[in-house]
Amino acid sequence: MRITIGIKSLNEADYFLHQGADEIYFGPAVPSHRASFSKEKEILDSIRLAKKLRKKTLLALNEIYSREQYGFLLAHARRLTLTGLDGLVVRDVALLEYFNSEKFRPNFVSSIMSSCFNSEAMKFYMDLGVNRFTLHSQIMPEDAAKMVSAAETIMFVPCLFLETNIVPYCFFTYPGGPGASKLKVRPCKVGFKCGRHDFRMLESNLYFQAGLLYDFHKLGVQWLKIPRQLNTRKLITEFKITRFLNLLLEKGLDRENFVKAVAELMTRADLNKYGSSYLIKPDVDIPARHA
């Protein structure tokens, strides 16, 4: 599988692209619910670097934006695309429809926060220009075969990141999102209704999560994704773990031994020692390679 990783600076772009990432993605040059660039120029420089190395770049517009922001986002995305941006990660159907109405139809990637849980929903998104789909954490391998065969797919590494039970139409999914500073608790943790019951993902442990990664790889998922975050040291460690697990999968390790290896590695790695992913001040950026 290929690896895509979220970044927030040109130094991170340089580091991860040279360390084996196949693609980088980033938020717009405005405050976002994820760590993001402070200036558009750094985004443009990162796109040029990726093109030079024959790697890919994505702009992540995976929030629910107000209509007043659509014009800025369109102009921002057009400029980046003219420089060589390979595509956009989009969450909201309304934003996709707006881009289509403005005859702006680059390569679109569905966000994990899109409400796309089956192959029929994929067809709806395909009509709006989506050609790569991020599999939601609530989707199990036995239910994803048609999805994986229908289009290019991407998944987060389950033992590193699980996006559980979100409501994709909510503005306030994340702490720090629009208006969330006034809220005392994280909202919108109720899952979709299935009859009278919430549709929620299964409880899982490291063995279960490792099995998911193995099974999705066998199904043919093409991409592994590492999310953006402020904590650069933790991001580097997650990238190294992802690259190592990907090598194990590519070498054809059997499922039982793969699951044991993942559980042992994650227990030994103890990512808690790096602190929180988002609610800390950013670590010092990675120094430039040729400094």
Protein backbone atom coordinates (compact mmCIF):
# COMPACT_ATOMS: atom_id res chain seq x y z
CA MET A 1 0.00 0.00 0.00
CA ARG A 2 1.04 3.59 -0.54
CA ILE A 3 1.30 6.05 2.36
CA THR A 4 -0.21 9.52 2.62
CA ILE A 5 0.53 11.75 5.61
CA GLY A 6 -0.83 15.04 6.90
CA ILE A 7 1.68 17.86 7.32
CA LYS A 8 1.74 21.44 8.55
CA SER A 9 5.05 22.89 7.28
CA LEU A 10 7.53 22.79 4.43
CA ASN A 11 10.07 21.13 6.72
CA GLU A 12 7.64 18.30 7.41
CA ALA A 13 6.92 17.99 3.69
CA ASP A 14 10.64 17.70 2.99
CA TYR A 15 11.19 15.14 5.73
CA PHE A 16 8.30 12.77 4.99
CA LEU A 17 8.62 12.91 1.22
CA HIS A 18 12.29 11.97 1.46
CA GLN A 19 11.58 9.27 4.06
CA GLY A 20 9.21 7.36 1.80
CA ALA A 21 5.76 8.97 1.93
CA ASP A 22 4.00 8.72 -1.42
CA GLU A 23 1.73 11.69 -0.80
CA ILE A 24 1.32 14.62 1.58
CA TYR A 25 -1.89 16.42 2.42
CA PHE A 26 -2.57 19.65 4.29
CA GLY A 27 -5.29 22.09 5.26
CA PRO A 28 -5.89 25.51 3.70
CA ALA A 29 -3.67 28.37 4.81
CA VAL A 30 -6.18 29.47 7.44
CA PRO A 31 -6.83 28.20 10.98
CA SER A 32 -8.32 24.73 10.73
CA HIS A 33 -9.49 21.88 12.94
CA ARG A 34 -6.14 20.26 12.22
CA ALA A 35 -2.62 21.59 12.29
CA SER A 36 -2.23 23.72 9.15
CA PHE A 37 0.23 25.91 7.27
CA SER A 38 0.46 29.54 8.28
CA LYS A 39 1.18 30.85 4.75
CA GLU A 40 0.06 29.86 1.28
CA LYS A 41 3.62 30.23 -0.02
CA GLU A 42 4.75 27.26 2.07
CA ILE A 43 1.96 25.17 0.60
CA LEU A 44 3.04 26.14 -2.93
CA ASP A 45 6.66 25.29 -2.13
CA SER A 46 5.56 21.91 -0.74
CA ILE A 47 3.58 21.16 -3.90
CA ARG A 48 6.59 22.03 -6.06
CA LEU A 49 8.83 19.80 -3.94
CA ALA A 50 6.42 16.87 -4.23
CA LYS A 51 6.21 17.30 -8.01
CA LYS A 52 10.00 17.33 -8.23
CA LEU A 53 10.10 14.04 -6.33
CA ARG A 54 7.19 12.63 -8.37
CA LYS A 55 4.99 12.44 -5.29
CA LYS A 56 1.37 13.56 -4.82
CA THR A 57 -0.31 16.37 -2.87
CA LEU A 58 -3.85 16.91 -1.55
CA LEU A 59 -5.63 19.90 -0.04
CA ALA A 60 -7.89 18.82 2.83
CA LEU A 61 -11.17 20.73 2.93
CA ASN A 62 -12.80 18.24 5.26
CA GLU A 63 -14.88 20.50 7.45
CA ILE A 64 -18.45 21.77 7.17
CA TYR A 65 -17.85 25.32 5.94
CA SER A 66 -20.28 28.21 5.86
CA ARG A 67 -21.45 29.46 2.46
CA GLU A 68 -19.56 32.69 3.04
CA GLN A 69 -16.28 30.74 2.92
CA TYR A 70 -16.94 28.95 -0.38
CA GLY A 71 -15.54 31.71 -2.60
CA PHE A 72 -12.27 31.85 -0.68
CA LEU A 73 -11.90 28.06 -0.70
CA LEU A 74 -12.56 27.88 -4.44
CA ALA A 75 -10.00 30.59 -5.25
CA HIS A 76 -7.45 29.01 -2.89
CA ALA A 77 -7.96 25.54 -4.42
CA ARG A 78 -7.77 26.88 -7.99
CA ARG A 79 -4.42 28.58 -7.32
CA LEU A 80 -2.96 25.44 -5.78
CA THR A 81 -4.25 23.26 -8.61
CA LEU A 82 -2.60 25.51 -11.19
CA THR A 83 0.68 24.99 -9.31
CA GLY A 84 0.32 21.20 -9.47
CA LEU A 85 -1.95 20.13 -6.60
CA ASP A 86 -3.20 16.60 -7.31
CA GLY A 87 -6.59 16.76 -5.63
CA LEU A 88 -8.87 17.78 -2.76
CA VAL A 89 -10.18 15.90 0.25
CA VAL A 90 -13.79 17.00 0.75
CA ARG A 91 -16.30 16.11 3.44
CA ASP A 92 -19.44 18.10 2.65
CA VAL A 93 -21.76 17.26 -0.27
CA ALA A 94 -22.79 20.92 -0.48
CA LEU A 95 -19.20 22.00 -1.09
CA LEU A 96 -18.78 19.31 -3.76
CA GLU A 97 -21.93 20.55 -5.48
CA TYR A 98 -20.66 24.14 -5.32
CA PHE A 99 -17.34 23.19 -6.93
CA ASN A 100 -19.21 21.34 -9.67
CA SER A 101 -21.48 24.32 -10.28
CA GLU A 102 -18.37 26.49 -10.69
CA LYS A 103 -16.95 23.98 -13.20
CA PHE A 104 -14.10 23.16 -10.83
CA ARG A 105 -13.74 19.40 -10.84
CA PRO A 106 -10.24 18.25 -9.91
CA ASN A 107 -9.53 14.84 -8.38
CA PHE A 108 -11.75 14.61 -5.30
CA VAL A 109 -11.14 12.32 -2.33
CA SER A 110 -13.94 11.63 0.14
CA SER A 111 -13.12 12.43 3.76
CA ILE A 112 -13.53 9.79 6.47
CA MET A 113 -16.25 12.15 7.73
CA SER A 114 -18.34 11.79 4.58
CA SER A 115 -21.46 9.70 4.99
CA CYS A 116 -20.26 6.97 2.65
CA PHE A 117 -20.79 3.52 4.09
CA ASN A 118 -21.51 1.33 1.04
CA SER A 119 -21.00 0.98 -2.71
CA GLU A 120 -24.35 2.65 -3.51
CA ALA A 121 -23.28 5.79 -1.64
CA MET A 122 -19.99 5.67 -3.53
CA LYS A 123 -21.89 5.93 -6.82
CA PHE A 124 -23.57 9.10 -5.57
CA TYR A 125 -20.21 10.64 -4.68
CA MET A 126 -18.67 9.50 -7.97
CA ASP A 127 -21.27 11.53 -9.84
CA LEU A 128 -19.87 14.57 -8.01
CA GLY A 129 -16.31 13.75 -9.09
CA VAL A 130 -14.99 11.69 -6.17
CA ASN A 131 -12.58 8.98 -7.31
CA ARG A 132 -10.86 7.95 -4.06
CA PHE A 133 -12.75 7.01 -0.91
CA THR A 134 -11.61 7.04 2.71
CA LEU A 135 -13.11 4.04 4.50
CA HIS A 136 -14.85 4.92 7.75
CA SER A 137 -13.72 3.14 10.91
CA GLN A 138 -17.21 1.69 11.37
CA ILE A 139 -16.94 -0.30 8.12
CA MET A 140 -15.78 -3.89 8.58
CA PRO A 141 -13.81 -5.84 5.93
CA GLU A 142 -16.66 -8.27 5.29
CA ASP A 143 -18.88 -5.32 4.32
CA ALA A 144 -16.31 -3.46 2.21
CA ALA A 145 -15.57 -5.85 -0.66
CA LYS A 146 -17.87 -4.05 -3.12
CA MET A 147 -16.49 -0.67 -2.06
CA VAL A 148 -12.88 -1.70 -2.55
CA SER A 149 -13.60 -3.19 -5.96
CA ALA A 150 -15.60 -0.15 -7.11
CA ALA A 151 -12.95 2.57 -6.65
CA GLU A 152 -9.59 3.52 -5.19
CA THR A 153 -9.74 3.33 -1.39
CA ILE A 154 -7.77 4.60 1.56
CA MET A 155 -7.82 3.74 5.27
CA PHE A 156 -6.31 4.95 8.51
CA VAL A 157 -4.09 2.47 10.36
CA PRO A 158 -6.58 1.20 12.99
CA CYS A 159 -4.07 0.77 15.82
CA LEU A 160 -3.03 4.43 15.38
CA PHE A 161 -6.31 6.19 14.60
CA LEU A 162 -10.00 5.31 14.84
CA GLU A 163 -12.64 7.93 13.93
CA THR A 164 -15.52 6.55 15.97
CA ASN A 165 -19.22 7.17 15.70
CA ILE A 166 -19.26 10.65 14.20
CA VAL A 167 -22.18 12.59 12.80
CA PRO A 168 -20.78 13.85 9.47
CA TYR A 169 -23.15 16.80 9.09
CA CYS A 170 -22.17 18.52 12.36
CA PHE A 171 -20.07 21.68 12.55
CA PHE A 172 -18.73 20.75 15.99
CA THR A 173 -17.21 17.32 15.45
CA TYR A 174 -13.81 18.37 16.82
CA PRO A 175 -12.64 20.42 19.78
CA GLY A 176 -11.38 23.67 18.32
CA GLY A 177 -13.85 23.60 15.43
CA PRO A 178 -16.11 26.59 14.67
CA GLY A 179 -17.95 27.50 17.86
CA ALA A 180 -16.53 24.59 19.83
CA SER A 181 -14.59 26.83 22.23
CA LYS A 182 -17.90 27.68 23.94
CA LEU A 183 -18.77 24.04 24.51
CA LYS A 184 -17.80 22.23 27.70
CA VAL A 185 -17.76 18.72 26.21
CA ARG A 186 -17.10 17.19 22.81
CA PRO A 187 -20.48 17.02 21.05
CA CYS A 188 -21.89 14.77 18.32
CA LYS A 189 -20.77 11.36 19.54
CA VAL A 190 -24.12 9.76 18.72
CA GLY A 191 -23.89 7.34 15.80
CA PHE A 192 -26.37 6.77 13.00
CA LYS A 193 -29.71 5.23 13.90
CA CYS A 194 -30.46 1.72 12.68
CA GLY A 195 -34.05 1.07 13.69
CA ARG A 196 -34.21 2.12 17.31
CA HIS A 197 -30.53 1.54 17.92
CA ASP A 198 -27.39 3.55 17.27
CA PHE A 199 -25.15 2.20 14.53
CA ARG A 200 -21.82 2.08 16.34
CA MET A 201 -18.49 0.48 15.58
CA LEU A 202 -17.44 -2.55 17.60
CA GLU A 203 -15.28 -2.32 20.69
CA SER A 204 -11.77 -3.35 19.75
CA ASN A 205 -8.30 -4.13 21.08
CA LEU A 206 -4.89 -4.18 19.40
CA TYR A 207 -5.38 -7.72 18.10
CA PHE A 208 -8.72 -6.86 16.52
CA GLN A 209 -7.33 -3.64 15.03
CA ALA A 210 -4.32 -5.46 13.58
CA GLY A 211 -6.64 -8.02 12.03
CA LEU A 212 -8.62 -5.22 10.38
CA LEU A 213 -5.46 -3.82 8.79
CA TYR A 214 -4.46 -7.27 7.51
CA ASP A 215 -7.91 -8.03 6.11
CA PHE A 216 -8.30 -4.67 4.36
CA HIS A 217 -4.87 -5.11 2.80
CA LYS A 218 -5.95 -8.51 1.47
CA LEU A 219 -9.12 -6.92 0.07
CA GLY A 220 -7.00 -4.54 -1.98
CA VAL A 221 -7.11 -1.16 -0.21
CA GLN A 222 -4.42 0.93 -1.93
CA TRP A 223 -3.59 3.68 0.59
CA LEU A 224 -2.70 4.04 4.28
CA LYS A 225 -3.35 7.44 5.83
CA ILE A 226 -1.69 9.19 8.78
CA PRO A 227 -3.63 12.21 10.12
CA ARG A 228 -2.31 15.72 10.64
CA GLN A 229 -1.49 16.77 14.18
CA LEU A 230 0.45 19.34 16.17
CA ASN A 231 2.71 16.81 17.87
CA THR A 232 5.54 16.41 15.38
CA ARG A 233 7.46 13.78 17.36
CA LYS A 234 4.36 11.63 17.62
CA LEU A 235 3.69 12.13 13.90
CA ILE A 236 7.19 10.90 13.03
CA THR A 237 6.73 7.82 15.21
CA GLU A 238 3.35 7.03 13.67
CA PHE A 239 4.89 7.34 10.20
CA LYS A 240 7.71 4.94 11.09
CA ILE A 241 5.21 2.43 12.53
CA THR A 242 3.00 2.70 9.44
CA ARG A 243 5.94 2.19 7.11
CA PHE A 244 7.09 -0.86 9.09
CA LEU A 245 3.64 -2.46 9.20
CA ASN A 246 3.25 -1.84 5.48
CA LEU A 247 6.52 -3.66 4.83
CA LEU A 248 5.30 -6.63 6.87
CA LEU A 249 2.12 -6.75 4.81
CA GLU A 250 4.01 -6.53 1.54
CA LYS A 251 6.32 -9.36 2.59
CA GLY A 252 3.31 -11.64 2.96
CA LEU A 253 3.44 -12.35 6.68
CA ASP A 254 0.55 -14.62 7.66
CA ARG A 255 -2.38 -13.14 9.60
CA GLU A 256 -1.65 -14.75 12.97
CA ASN A 257 1.96 -13.62 13.10
CA PHE A 258 1.10 -10.19 11.73
CA VAL A 259 -1.49 -9.63 14.45
CA LYS A 260 0.97 -10.70 17.15
CA ALA A 261 3.70 -8.45 15.71
CA VAL A 262 1.40 -5.41 15.65
CA ALA A 263 0.21 -5.92 19.23
CA GLU A 264 3.77 -6.36 20.47
CA LEU A 265 5.04 -3.33 18.55
CA MET A 266 2.26 -1.01 19.69
CA THR A 267 2.62 -2.09 23.32
CA ARG A 268 6.35 -1.50 23.19
CA ALA A 269 6.05 1.82 21.33
CA ASP A 270 3.76 3.40 23.99
CA LEU A 271 2.68 6.46 22.00
CA ASN A 272 1.29 8.02 25.20
CA LYS A 273 4.82 9.06 26.12
CA TYR A 274 4.71 11.66 23.34
CA GLY A 275 1.69 13.39 24.84
CA SER A 276 -1.53 14.45 23.16
CA SER A 277 -1.83 14.66 19.39
CA TYR A 278 -3.68 17.96 19.27
CA LEU A 279 -4.07 19.69 22.61
CA ILE A 280 -0.46 20.75 23.14
CA LYS A 281 1.78 23.43 21.74
CA PRO A 282 3.50 22.29 18.53
CA ASP A 283 6.88 20.66 18.88
CA VAL A 284 9.84 22.33 17.23
CA ASP A 285 9.61 21.62 13.50
CA ILE A 286 11.88 19.08 11.87
CA PRO A 287 15.12 20.80 10.83
CA ALA A 288 15.70 21.15 7.11
CA ARG A 289 17.54 18.19 5.57
CA HIS A 290 20.41 20.25 4.24
CA ALA A 291 20.71 22.75 7.11
